[in-house]
Amino acid sequence: QAGFDVVPLEMDLSSKESICSMIAEGQKYGPIKMLVNAAGVSP
């Protein structure tokens, strides 16, 4: 709505398969130039 081009995806950072799926999804659109890791959990 703010003018960006964003696609949502379910992914689990603790899963290698999930990370691979996210990378594969990104590669469909072009070269991956940036990874922002804003995931994390606390006690």
PDB file of all heavy atoms in Angstrom:
ATOM      1  N   GLN A   1       0.828  -1.214   0.000  1.00  0.00           N
ATOM      2  CA  GLN A   1       0.000   0.000   0.000  1.00  0.00           C
ATOM      3  C   GLN A   1       0.860   1.262   0.000  1.00  0.00           C
ATOM      4  O   GLN A   1       0.420   2.312  -0.461  1.00  0.00           O
ATOM      5  CB  GLN A   1      -0.947   0.004   1.199  1.00  0.00           C
ATOM      6  CG  GLN A   1      -2.065  -1.007   1.078  1.00  0.00           C
ATOM      7  CD  GLN A   1      -2.885  -1.135   2.343  1.00  0.00           C
ATOM      8  OE1 GLN A   1      -2.654  -0.450   3.333  1.00  0.00           O
ATOM      9  NE2 GLN A   1      -3.846  -2.042   2.324  1.00  0.00           N
ATOM     10  N   ALA A   2       2.082   1.130   0.495  1.00  0.00           N
ATOM     11  CA  ALA A   2       3.002   2.273   0.524  1.00  0.00           C
ATOM     12  C   ALA A   2       3.838   2.362  -0.761  1.00  0.00           C
ATOM     13  O   ALA A   2       4.731   3.202  -0.855  1.00  0.00           O
ATOM     14  CB  ALA A   2       3.925   2.163   1.741  1.00  0.00           C
ATOM     15  N   GLY A   3       3.567   1.477  -1.727  1.00  0.00           N
ATOM     16  CA  GLY A   3       4.255   1.563  -3.014  1.00  0.00           C
ATOM     17  C   GLY A   3       5.409   0.604  -3.205  1.00  0.00           C
ATOM     18  O   GLY A   3       6.099   0.664  -4.226  1.00  0.00           O
ATOM     19  N   PHE A   4       5.649  -0.274  -2.257  1.00  0.00           N
ATOM     20  CA  PHE A   4       6.718  -1.265  -2.389  1.00  0.00           C
ATOM     21  C   PHE A   4       6.188  -2.504  -3.098  1.00  0.00           C
ATOM     22  O   PHE A   4       4.973  -2.677  -3.249  1.00  0.00           O
ATOM     23  CB  PHE A   4       7.282  -1.632  -1.009  1.00  0.00           C
ATOM     24  CG  PHE A   4       8.036  -0.506  -0.359  1.00  0.00           C
ATOM     25  CD1 PHE A   4       7.374   0.429   0.422  1.00  0.00           C
ATOM     26  CD2 PHE A   4       9.400  -0.366  -0.537  1.00  0.00           C
ATOM     27  CE1 PHE A   4       8.055   1.483   1.007  1.00  0.00           C
ATOM     28  CE2 PHE A   4      10.097   0.676   0.043  1.00  0.00           C
ATOM     29  CZ  PHE A   4       9.423   1.608   0.823  1.00  0.00           C
ATOM     30  N   ASP A   5       7.083  -3.377  -3.526  1.00  0.00           N
ATOM     31  CA  ASP A   5       6.733  -4.608  -4.227  1.00  0.00           C
ATOM     32  C   ASP A   5       7.131  -5.779  -3.331  1.00  0.00           C
ATOM     33  O   ASP A   5       8.276  -6.230  -3.354  1.00  0.00           O
ATOM     34  CB  ASP A   5       7.469  -4.649  -5.572  1.00  0.00           C
ATOM     35  CG  ASP A   5       7.080  -5.837  -6.426  1.00  0.00           C
ATOM     36  OD1 ASP A   5       6.142  -6.574  -6.053  1.00  0.00           O
ATOM     37  OD2 ASP A   5       7.720  -6.019  -7.479  1.00  0.00           O
ATOM     38  N   VAL A   6       6.168  -6.259  -2.522  1.00  0.00           N
ATOM     39  CA  VAL A   6       6.474  -7.228  -1.471  1.00  0.00           C
ATOM     40  C   VAL A   6       5.615  -8.485  -1.620  1.00  0.00           C
ATOM     41  O   VAL A   6       4.414  -8.398  -1.869  1.00  0.00           O
ATOM     42  CB  VAL A   6       6.237  -6.610  -0.072  1.00  0.00           C
ATOM     43  CG1 VAL A   6       6.616  -7.585   1.030  1.00  0.00           C
ATOM     44  CG2 VAL A   6       7.019  -5.307   0.075  1.00  0.00           C
ATOM     45  N   VAL A   7       6.250  -9.631  -1.441  1.00  0.00           N
ATOM     46  CA  VAL A   7       5.582 -10.926  -1.474  1.00  0.00           C
ATOM     47  C   VAL A   7       5.766 -11.585  -0.104  1.00  0.00           C
ATOM     48  O   VAL A   7       6.900 -11.685   0.378  1.00  0.00           O
ATOM     49  CB  VAL A   7       6.182 -11.836  -2.570  1.00  0.00           C
ATOM     50  CG1 VAL A   7       5.603 -13.231  -2.510  1.00  0.00           C
ATOM     51  CG2 VAL A   7       5.988 -11.220  -3.934  1.00  0.00           C
ATOM     52  N   PRO A   8       4.677 -12.035   0.539  1.00  0.00           N
ATOM     53  CA  PRO A   8       4.801 -12.718   1.829  1.00  0.00           C
ATOM     54  C   PRO A   8       5.108 -14.202   1.654  1.00  0.00           C
ATOM     55  O   PRO A   8       4.747 -14.810   0.648  1.00  0.00           O
ATOM     56  CB  PRO A   8       3.416 -12.524   2.447  1.00  0.00           C
ATOM     57  CG  PRO A   8       2.489 -12.478   1.277  1.00  0.00           C
ATOM     58  CD  PRO A   8       3.271 -11.823   0.170  1.00  0.00           C
ATOM     59  N   LEU A   9       5.768 -14.756   2.662  1.00  0.00           N
ATOM     60  CA  LEU A   9       6.166 -16.159   2.613  1.00  0.00           C
ATOM     61  C   LEU A   9       6.254 -16.692   4.034  1.00  0.00           C
ATOM     62  O   LEU A   9       6.786 -16.011   4.918  1.00  0.00           O
ATOM     63  CB  LEU A   9       7.534 -16.260   1.925  1.00  0.00           C
ATOM     64  CG  LEU A   9       8.150 -17.609   1.690  1.00  0.00           C
ATOM     65  CD1 LEU A   9       7.429 -18.318   0.555  1.00  0.00           C
ATOM     66  CD2 LEU A   9       9.622 -17.448   1.332  1.00  0.00           C
ATOM     67  N   GLU A  10       5.750 -17.890   4.257  1.00  0.00           N
ATOM     68  CA  GLU A  10       5.946 -18.542   5.555  1.00  0.00           C
ATOM     69  C   GLU A  10       7.337 -19.147   5.553  1.00  0.00           C
ATOM     70  O   GLU A  10       7.718 -19.841   4.606  1.00  0.00           O
ATOM     71  CB  GLU A  10       4.896 -19.629   5.769  1.00  0.00           C
ATOM     72  CG  GLU A  10       5.004 -20.302   7.116  1.00  0.00           C
ATOM     73  CD  GLU A  10       3.879 -21.284   7.374  1.00  0.00           C
ATOM     74  OE1 GLU A  10       3.032 -21.491   6.476  1.00  0.00           O
ATOM     75  OE2 GLU A  10       3.848 -21.854   8.466  1.00  0.00           O
ATOM     76  N   MET A  11       8.116 -18.864   6.574  1.00  0.00           N
ATOM     77  CA  MET A  11       9.459 -19.444   6.663  1.00  0.00           C
ATOM     78  C   MET A  11       9.904 -19.541   8.108  1.00  0.00           C
ATOM     79  O   MET A  11       9.504 -18.761   8.947  1.00  0.00           O
ATOM     80  CB  MET A  11      10.462 -18.680   5.803  1.00  0.00           C
ATOM     81  CG  MET A  11      11.048 -17.412   6.318  1.00  0.00           C
ATOM     82  SD  MET A  11      12.499 -17.616   7.375  1.00  0.00           S
ATOM     83  CE  MET A  11      13.675 -18.369   6.298  1.00  0.00           C
ATOM     84  N   ASP A  12      10.725 -20.543   8.358  1.00  0.00           N
ATOM     85  CA  ASP A  12      11.232 -20.824   9.702  1.00  0.00           C
ATOM     86  C   ASP A  12      12.756 -20.738   9.646  1.00  0.00           C
ATOM     87  O   ASP A  12      13.403 -21.552   8.981  1.00  0.00           O
ATOM     88  CB  ASP A  12      10.771 -22.216  10.125  1.00  0.00           C
ATOM     89  CG  ASP A  12      11.279 -22.638  11.493  1.00  0.00           C
ATOM     90  OD1 ASP A  12      12.011 -21.859  12.150  1.00  0.00           O
ATOM     91  OD2 ASP A  12      10.947 -23.755  11.912  1.00  0.00           O
ATOM     92  N   LEU A  13      13.310 -19.758  10.313  1.00  0.00           N
ATOM     93  CA  LEU A  13      14.755 -19.523  10.280  1.00  0.00           C
ATOM     94  C   LEU A  13      15.560 -20.685  10.857  1.00  0.00           C
ATOM     95  O   LEU A  13      16.728 -20.848  10.543  1.00  0.00           O
ATOM     96  CB  LEU A  13      15.089 -18.227  11.021  1.00  0.00           C
ATOM     97  CG  LEU A  13      16.508 -17.705  10.902  1.00  0.00           C
ATOM     98  CD1 LEU A  13      16.877 -17.427   9.450  1.00  0.00           C
ATOM     99  CD2 LEU A  13      16.694 -16.459  11.735  1.00  0.00           C
ATOM    100  N   SER A  14      14.928 -21.538  11.656  1.00  0.00           N
ATOM    101  CA  SER A  14      15.657 -22.675  12.222  1.00  0.00           C
ATOM    102  C   SER A  14      15.647 -23.889  11.289  1.00  0.00           C
ATOM    103  O   SER A  14      16.221 -24.916  11.617  1.00  0.00           O
ATOM    104  CB  SER A  14      15.071 -23.053  13.583  1.00  0.00           C
ATOM    105  OG  SER A  14      13.763 -23.568  13.444  1.00  0.00           O
ATOM    106  N   SER A  15      15.027 -23.763  10.109  1.00  0.00           N
ATOM    107  CA  SER A  15      14.912 -24.867   9.160  1.00  0.00           C
ATOM    108  C   SER A  15      15.712 -24.590   7.888  1.00  0.00           C
ATOM    109  O   SER A  15      15.434 -23.624   7.176  1.00  0.00           O
ATOM    110  CB  SER A  15      13.437 -25.083   8.795  1.00  0.00           C
ATOM    111  OG  SER A  15      13.314 -25.851   7.628  1.00  0.00           O
ATOM    112  N   LYS A  16      16.658 -25.455   7.597  1.00  0.00           N
ATOM    113  CA  LYS A  16      17.464 -25.311   6.388  1.00  0.00           C
ATOM    114  C   LYS A  16      16.583 -25.362   5.139  1.00  0.00           C
ATOM    115  O   LYS A  16      16.767 -24.588   4.205  1.00  0.00           O
ATOM    116  CB  LYS A  16      18.518 -26.416   6.342  1.00  0.00           C
ATOM    117  CG  LYS A  16      19.433 -26.340   5.143  1.00  0.00           C
ATOM    118  CD  LYS A  16      20.480 -27.422   5.197  1.00  0.00           C
ATOM    119  CE  LYS A  16      21.418 -27.346   4.016  1.00  0.00           C
ATOM    120  NZ  LYS A  16      22.465 -28.362   4.090  1.00  0.00           N
ATOM    121  N   GLU A  17      15.599 -26.255   5.132  1.00  0.00           N
ATOM    122  CA  GLU A  17      14.699 -26.376   3.980  1.00  0.00           C
ATOM    123  C   GLU A  17      13.913 -25.091   3.768  1.00  0.00           C
ATOM    124  O   GLU A  17      13.702 -24.644   2.635  1.00  0.00           O
ATOM    125  CB  GLU A  17      13.736 -27.553   4.169  1.00  0.00           C
ATOM    126  CG  GLU A  17      14.407 -28.916   4.153  1.00  0.00           C
ATOM    127  CD  GLU A  17      15.129 -29.267   5.458  1.00  0.00           C
ATOM    128  OE1 GLU A  17      14.797 -28.682   6.524  1.00  0.00           O
ATOM    129  OE2 GLU A  17      16.045 -30.101   5.402  1.00  0.00           O
ATOM    130  N   SER A  18      13.480 -24.478   4.854  1.00  0.00           N
ATOM    131  CA  SER A  18      12.713 -23.242   4.768  1.00  0.00           C
ATOM    132  C   SER A  18      13.578 -22.100   4.230  1.00  0.00           C
ATOM    133  O   SER A  18      13.134 -21.295   3.406  1.00  0.00           O
ATOM    134  CB  SER A  18      12.151 -22.890   6.148  1.00  0.00           C
ATOM    135  OG  SER A  18      11.261 -21.815   6.061  1.00  0.00           O
ATOM    136  N   ILE A  19      14.817 -22.029   4.669  1.00  0.00           N
ATOM    137  CA  ILE A  19      15.749 -21.009   4.171  1.00  0.00           C
ATOM    138  C   ILE A  19      15.986 -21.218   2.675  1.00  0.00           C
ATOM    139  O   ILE A  19      15.944 -20.267   1.889  1.00  0.00           O
ATOM    140  CB  ILE A  19      17.078 -21.042   4.958  1.00  0.00           C
ATOM    141  CG1 ILE A  19      16.841 -20.622   6.412  1.00  0.00           C
ATOM    142  CG2 ILE A  19      18.118 -20.132   4.298  1.00  0.00           C
ATOM    143  CD1 ILE A  19      18.012 -20.910   7.337  1.00  0.00           C
ATOM    144  N   CYS A  20      16.190 -22.473   2.270  1.00  0.00           N
ATOM    145  CA  CYS A  20      16.407 -22.782   0.853  1.00  0.00           C
ATOM    146  C   CYS A  20      15.184 -22.390   0.020  1.00  0.00           C
ATOM    147  O   CYS A  20      15.334 -21.863  -1.091  1.00  0.00           O
ATOM    148  CB  CYS A  20      16.710 -24.264   0.666  1.00  0.00           C
ATOM    149  SG  CYS A  20      18.349 -24.757   1.225  1.00  0.00           S
ATOM    150  N   SER A  21      13.998 -22.636   0.549  1.00  0.00           N
ATOM    151  CA  SER A  21      12.770 -22.270  -0.167  1.00  0.00           C
ATOM    152  C   SER A  21      12.659 -20.765  -0.342  1.00  0.00           C
ATOM    153  O   SER A  21      12.244 -20.284  -1.404  1.00  0.00           O
ATOM    154  CB  SER A  21      11.535 -22.787   0.578  1.00  0.00           C
ATOM    155  OG  SER A  21      11.483 -24.177   0.537  1.00  0.00           O
ATOM    156  N   MET A  22      13.032 -20.027   0.685  1.00  0.00           N
ATOM    157  CA  MET A  22      12.972 -18.571   0.592  1.00  0.00           C
ATOM    158  C   MET A  22      13.969 -18.057  -0.447  1.00  0.00           C
ATOM    159  O   MET A  22      13.646 -17.171  -1.243  1.00  0.00           O
ATOM    160  CB  MET A  22      13.232 -17.925   1.943  1.00  0.00           C
ATOM    161  CG  MET A  22      13.048 -16.424   1.928  1.00  0.00           C
ATOM    162  SD  MET A  22      13.279 -15.708   3.554  1.00  0.00           S
ATOM    163  CE  MET A  22      12.380 -14.174   3.361  1.00  0.00           C
ATOM    164  N   ILE A  23      15.162 -18.599  -0.441  1.00  0.00           N
ATOM    165  CA  ILE A  23      16.169 -18.201  -1.424  1.00  0.00           C
ATOM    166  C   ILE A  23      15.677 -18.524  -2.831  1.00  0.00           C
ATOM    167  O   ILE A  23      15.780 -17.700  -3.741  1.00  0.00           O
ATOM    168  CB  ILE A  23      17.527 -18.872  -1.128  1.00  0.00           C
ATOM    169  CG1 ILE A  23      18.128 -18.288   0.152  1.00  0.00           C
ATOM    170  CG2 ILE A  23      18.493 -18.701  -2.296  1.00  0.00           C
ATOM    171  CD1 ILE A  23      19.331 -19.038   0.684  1.00  0.00           C
ATOM    172  N   ALA A  24      15.110 -19.713  -3.014  1.00  0.00           N
ATOM    173  CA  ALA A  24      14.596 -20.106  -4.336  1.00  0.00           C
ATOM    174  C   ALA A  24      13.480 -19.170  -4.785  1.00  0.00           C
ATOM    175  O   ALA A  24      13.423 -18.776  -5.955  1.00  0.00           O
ATOM    176  CB  ALA A  24      14.103 -21.551  -4.300  1.00  0.00           C
ATOM    177  N   GLU A  25      12.608 -18.785  -3.867  1.00  0.00           N
ATOM    178  CA  GLU A  25      11.531 -17.844  -4.206  1.00  0.00           C
ATOM    179  C   GLU A  25      12.115 -16.508  -4.642  1.00  0.00           C
ATOM    180  O   GLU A  25      11.689 -15.923  -5.639  1.00  0.00           O
ATOM    181  CB  GLU A  25      10.593 -17.650  -3.014  1.00  0.00           C
ATOM    182  CG  GLU A  25       9.433 -16.718  -3.268  1.00  0.00           C
ATOM    183  CD  GLU A  25       8.420 -17.235  -4.270  1.00  0.00           C
ATOM    184  OE1 GLU A  25       8.350 -18.462  -4.498  1.00  0.00           O
ATOM    185  OE2 GLU A  25       7.676 -16.405  -4.822  1.00  0.00           O
ATOM    186  N   GLY A  26      13.098 -16.026  -3.921  1.00  0.00           N
ATOM    187  CA  GLY A  26      13.737 -14.766  -4.282  1.00  0.00           C
ATOM    188  C   GLY A  26      14.405 -14.814  -5.639  1.00  0.00           C
ATOM    189  O   GLY A  26      14.316 -13.865  -6.422  1.00  0.00           O
ATOM    190  N   GLN A  27      15.053 -15.921  -5.951  1.00  0.00           N
ATOM    191  CA  GLN A  27      15.767 -16.060  -7.215  1.00  0.00           C
ATOM    192  C   GLN A  27      14.832 -16.050  -8.421  1.00  0.00           C
ATOM    193  O   GLN A  27      15.264 -15.776  -9.532  1.00  0.00           O
ATOM    194  CB  GLN A  27      16.617 -17.323  -7.208  1.00  0.00           C
ATOM    195  CG  GLN A  27      17.811 -17.207  -6.286  1.00  0.00           C
ATOM    196  CD  GLN A  27      18.595 -18.490  -6.176  1.00  0.00           C
ATOM    197  OE1 GLN A  27      18.031 -19.584  -6.167  1.00  0.00           O
ATOM    198  NE2 GLN A  27      19.912 -18.374  -6.066  1.00  0.00           N
ATOM    199  N   LYS A  28      13.543 -16.310  -8.214  1.00  0.00           N
ATOM    200  CA  LYS A  28      12.571 -16.250  -9.310  1.00  0.00           C
ATOM    201  C   LYS A  28      12.433 -14.829  -9.861  1.00  0.00           C
ATOM    202  O   LYS A  28      12.085 -14.641 -11.017  1.00  0.00           O
ATOM    203  CB  LYS A  28      11.187 -16.700  -8.831  1.00  0.00           C
ATOM    204  CG  LYS A  28      11.063 -18.154  -8.499  1.00  0.00           C
ATOM    205  CD  LYS A  28       9.658 -18.428  -8.001  1.00  0.00           C
ATOM    206  CE  LYS A  28       9.507 -19.839  -7.486  1.00  0.00           C
ATOM    207  NZ  LYS A  28       8.137 -20.045  -6.938  1.00  0.00           N
ATOM    208  N   TYR A  29      12.701 -13.841  -9.016  1.00  0.00           N
ATOM    209  CA  TYR A  29      12.464 -12.444  -9.369  1.00  0.00           C
ATOM    210  C   TYR A  29      13.702 -11.699  -9.824  1.00  0.00           C
ATOM    211  O   TYR A  29      13.606 -10.605 -10.348  1.00  0.00           O
ATOM    212  CB  TYR A  29      11.828 -11.717  -8.184  1.00  0.00           C
ATOM    213  CG  TYR A  29      10.508 -12.316  -7.780  1.00  0.00           C
ATOM    214  CD1 TYR A  29      10.416 -13.167  -6.679  1.00  0.00           C
ATOM    215  CD2 TYR A  29       9.345 -12.053  -8.500  1.00  0.00           C
ATOM    216  CE1 TYR A  29       9.204 -13.721  -6.306  1.00  0.00           C
ATOM    217  CE2 TYR A  29       8.131 -12.610  -8.137  1.00  0.00           C
ATOM    218  CZ  TYR A  29       8.073 -13.451  -7.036  1.00  0.00           C
ATOM    219  OH  TYR A  29       6.869 -14.008  -6.678  1.00  0.00           O
ATOM    220  N   GLY A  30      14.872 -12.259  -9.555  1.00  0.00           N
ATOM    221  CA  GLY A  30      16.108 -11.600  -9.944  1.00  0.00           C
ATOM    222  C   GLY A  30      17.230 -11.919  -8.979  1.00  0.00           C
ATOM    223  O   GLY A  30      17.104 -12.773  -8.103  1.00  0.00           O
ATOM    224  N   PRO A  31      18.356 -11.202  -9.102  1.00  0.00           N
ATOM    225  CA  PRO A  31      19.502 -11.466  -8.224  1.00  0.00           C
ATOM    226  C   PRO A  31      19.233 -10.988  -6.795  1.00  0.00           C
ATOM    227  O   PRO A  31      18.740  -9.885  -6.588  1.00  0.00           O
ATOM    228  CB  PRO A  31      20.638 -10.669  -8.867  1.00  0.00           C
ATOM    229  CG  PRO A  31      19.961  -9.591  -9.645  1.00  0.00           C
ATOM    230  CD  PRO A  31      18.635 -10.147 -10.092  1.00  0.00           C
ATOM    231  N   ILE A  32      19.560 -11.828  -5.842  1.00  0.00           N
ATOM    232  CA  ILE A  32      19.394 -11.467  -4.435  1.00  0.00           C
ATOM    233  C   ILE A  32      20.555 -10.571  -4.041  1.00  0.00           C
ATOM    234  O   ILE A  32      21.710 -10.964  -4.122  1.00  0.00           O
ATOM    235  CB  ILE A  32      19.314 -12.717  -3.549  1.00  0.00           C
ATOM    236  CG1 ILE A  32      18.094 -13.560  -3.945  1.00  0.00           C
ATOM    237  CG2 ILE A  32      19.260 -12.327  -2.073  1.00  0.00           C
ATOM    238  CD1 ILE A  32      18.037 -14.918  -3.294  1.00  0.00           C
ATOM    239  N   LYS A  33      20.228  -9.365  -3.609  1.00  0.00           N
ATOM    240  CA  LYS A  33      21.248  -8.380  -3.275  1.00  0.00           C
ATOM    241  C   LYS A  33      21.304  -8.063  -1.785  1.00  0.00           C
ATOM    242  O   LYS A  33      22.272  -7.471  -1.326  1.00  0.00           O
ATOM    243  CB  LYS A  33      20.991  -7.076  -4.037  1.00  0.00           C
ATOM    244  CG  LYS A  33      21.149  -7.205  -5.527  1.00  0.00           C
ATOM    245  CD  LYS A  33      22.595  -7.442  -5.900  1.00  0.00           C
ATOM    246  CE  LYS A  33      22.803  -7.410  -7.386  1.00  0.00           C
ATOM    247  NZ  LYS A  33      24.201  -7.532  -7.740  1.00  0.00           N
ATOM    248  N   MET A  34      20.265  -8.436  -1.044  1.00  0.00           N
ATOM    249  CA  MET A  34      20.248  -8.049   0.359  1.00  0.00           C
ATOM    250  C   MET A  34      19.471  -9.067   1.186  1.00  0.00           C
ATOM    251  O   MET A  34      18.436  -9.560   0.750  1.00  0.00           O
ATOM    252  CB  MET A  34      19.612  -6.668   0.511  1.00  0.00           C
ATOM    253  CG  MET A  34      19.672  -6.132   1.927  1.00  0.00           C
ATOM    254  SD  MET A  34      19.145  -4.412   2.011  1.00  0.00           S
ATOM    255  CE  MET A  34      20.452  -3.627   1.106  1.00  0.00           C
ATOM    256  N   LEU A  35      19.985  -9.352   2.366  1.00  0.00           N
ATOM    257  CA  LEU A  35      19.301 -10.183   3.353  1.00  0.00           C
ATOM    258  C   LEU A  35      19.168  -9.373   4.630  1.00  0.00           C
ATOM    259  O   LEU A  35      20.158  -8.902   5.175  1.00  0.00           O
ATOM    260  CB  LEU A  35      20.094 -11.464   3.628  1.00  0.00           C
ATOM    261  CG  LEU A  35      19.618 -12.298   4.818  1.00  0.00           C
ATOM    262  CD1 LEU A  35      18.202 -12.815   4.590  1.00  0.00           C
ATOM    263  CD2 LEU A  35      20.579 -13.452   5.064  1.00  0.00           C
ATOM    264  N   VAL A  36      17.938  -9.191   5.077  1.00  0.00           N
ATOM    265  CA  VAL A  36      17.670  -8.502   6.335  1.00  0.00           C
ATOM    266  C   VAL A  36      17.146  -9.540   7.314  1.00  0.00           C
ATOM    267  O   VAL A  36      16.072 -10.109   7.110  1.00  0.00           O
ATOM    268  CB  VAL A  36      16.628  -7.366   6.158  1.00  0.00           C
ATOM    269  CG1 VAL A  36      16.278  -6.753   7.506  1.00  0.00           C
ATOM    270  CG2 VAL A  36      17.140  -6.320   5.194  1.00  0.00           C
ATOM    271  N   ASN A  37      17.890  -9.813   8.357  1.00  0.00           N
ATOM    272  CA  ASN A  37      17.451 -10.759   9.375  1.00  0.00           C
ATOM    273  C   ASN A  37      16.932  -9.972  10.572  1.00  0.00           C
ATOM    274  O   ASN A  37      17.707  -9.482  11.387  1.00  0.00           O
ATOM    275  CB  ASN A  37      18.579 -11.691   9.806  1.00  0.00           C
ATOM    276  CG  ASN A  37      18.112 -12.639  10.888  1.00  0.00           C
ATOM    277  OD1 ASN A  37      16.920 -12.856  11.055  1.00  0.00           O
ATOM    278  ND2 ASN A  37      19.046 -13.197  11.632  1.00  0.00           N
ATOM    279  N   ALA A  38      15.621  -9.873  10.651  1.00  0.00           N
ATOM    280  CA  ALA A  38      14.986  -9.197  11.779  1.00  0.00           C
ATOM    281  C   ALA A  38      14.222 -10.199  12.630  1.00  0.00           C
ATOM    282  O   ALA A  38      13.344  -9.828  13.403  1.00  0.00           O
ATOM    283  CB  ALA A  38      14.059  -8.096  11.270  1.00  0.00           C
ATOM    284  N   ALA A  39      14.542 -11.475  12.470  1.00  0.00           N
ATOM    285  CA  ALA A  39      13.880 -12.526  13.248  1.00  0.00           C
ATOM    286  C   ALA A  39      14.667 -12.787  14.521  1.00  0.00           C
ATOM    287  O   ALA A  39      15.882 -12.637  14.550  1.00  0.00           O
ATOM    288  CB  ALA A  39      13.785 -13.807  12.426  1.00  0.00           C
ATOM    289  N   GLY A  40      13.966 -13.183  15.536  1.00  0.00           N
ATOM    290  CA  GLY A  40      14.616 -13.538  16.785  1.00  0.00           C
ATOM    291  C   GLY A  40      13.585 -13.773  17.858  1.00  0.00           C
ATOM    292  O   GLY A  40      12.455 -13.297  17.760  1.00  0.00           O
ATOM    293  N   VAL A  41      13.972 -14.537  18.842  1.00  0.00           N
ATOM    294  CA  VAL A  41      13.094 -14.801  19.983  1.00  0.00           C
ATOM    295  C   VAL A  41      13.843 -14.514  21.267  1.00  0.00           C
ATOM    296  O   VAL A  41      15.074 -14.559  21.306  1.00  0.00           O
ATOM    297  CB  VAL A  41      12.551 -16.245  19.967  1.00  0.00           C
ATOM    298  CG1 VAL A  41      11.572 -16.444  18.830  1.00  0.00           C
ATOM    299  CG2 VAL A  41      13.664 -17.266  19.880  1.00  0.00           C
ATOM    300  N   SER A  42      13.095 -14.214  22.309  1.00  0.00           N
ATOM    301  CA  SER A  42      13.694 -13.890  23.603  1.00  0.00           C
ATOM    302  C   SER A  42      13.227 -14.895  24.649  1.00  0.00           C
ATOM    303  O   SER A  42      12.298 -15.663  24.403  1.00  0.00           O
ATOM    304  CB  SER A  42      13.285 -12.471  24.021  1.00  0.00           C
ATOM    305  OG  SER A  42      11.919 -12.456  24.373  1.00  0.00           O
ATOM    306  N   PRO A  43      13.847 -14.885  25.836  1.00  0.00           N
ATOM    307  CA  PRO A  43      13.447 -15.817  26.888  1.00  0.00           C
ATOM    308  C   PRO A  43      11.976 -15.682  27.302  1.00  0.00           C
ATOM    309  O   PRO A  43      11.389 -16.638  27.783  1.00  0.00           O
ATOM    310  CB  PRO A  43      14.379 -15.451  28.054  1.00  0.00           C
ATOM    311  CG  PRO A  43      15.575 -14.876  27.395  1.00  0.00           C
ATOM    312  CD  PRO A  43      15.049 -14.137  26.200  1.00  0.00           C
TER     313      PRO A  43
END
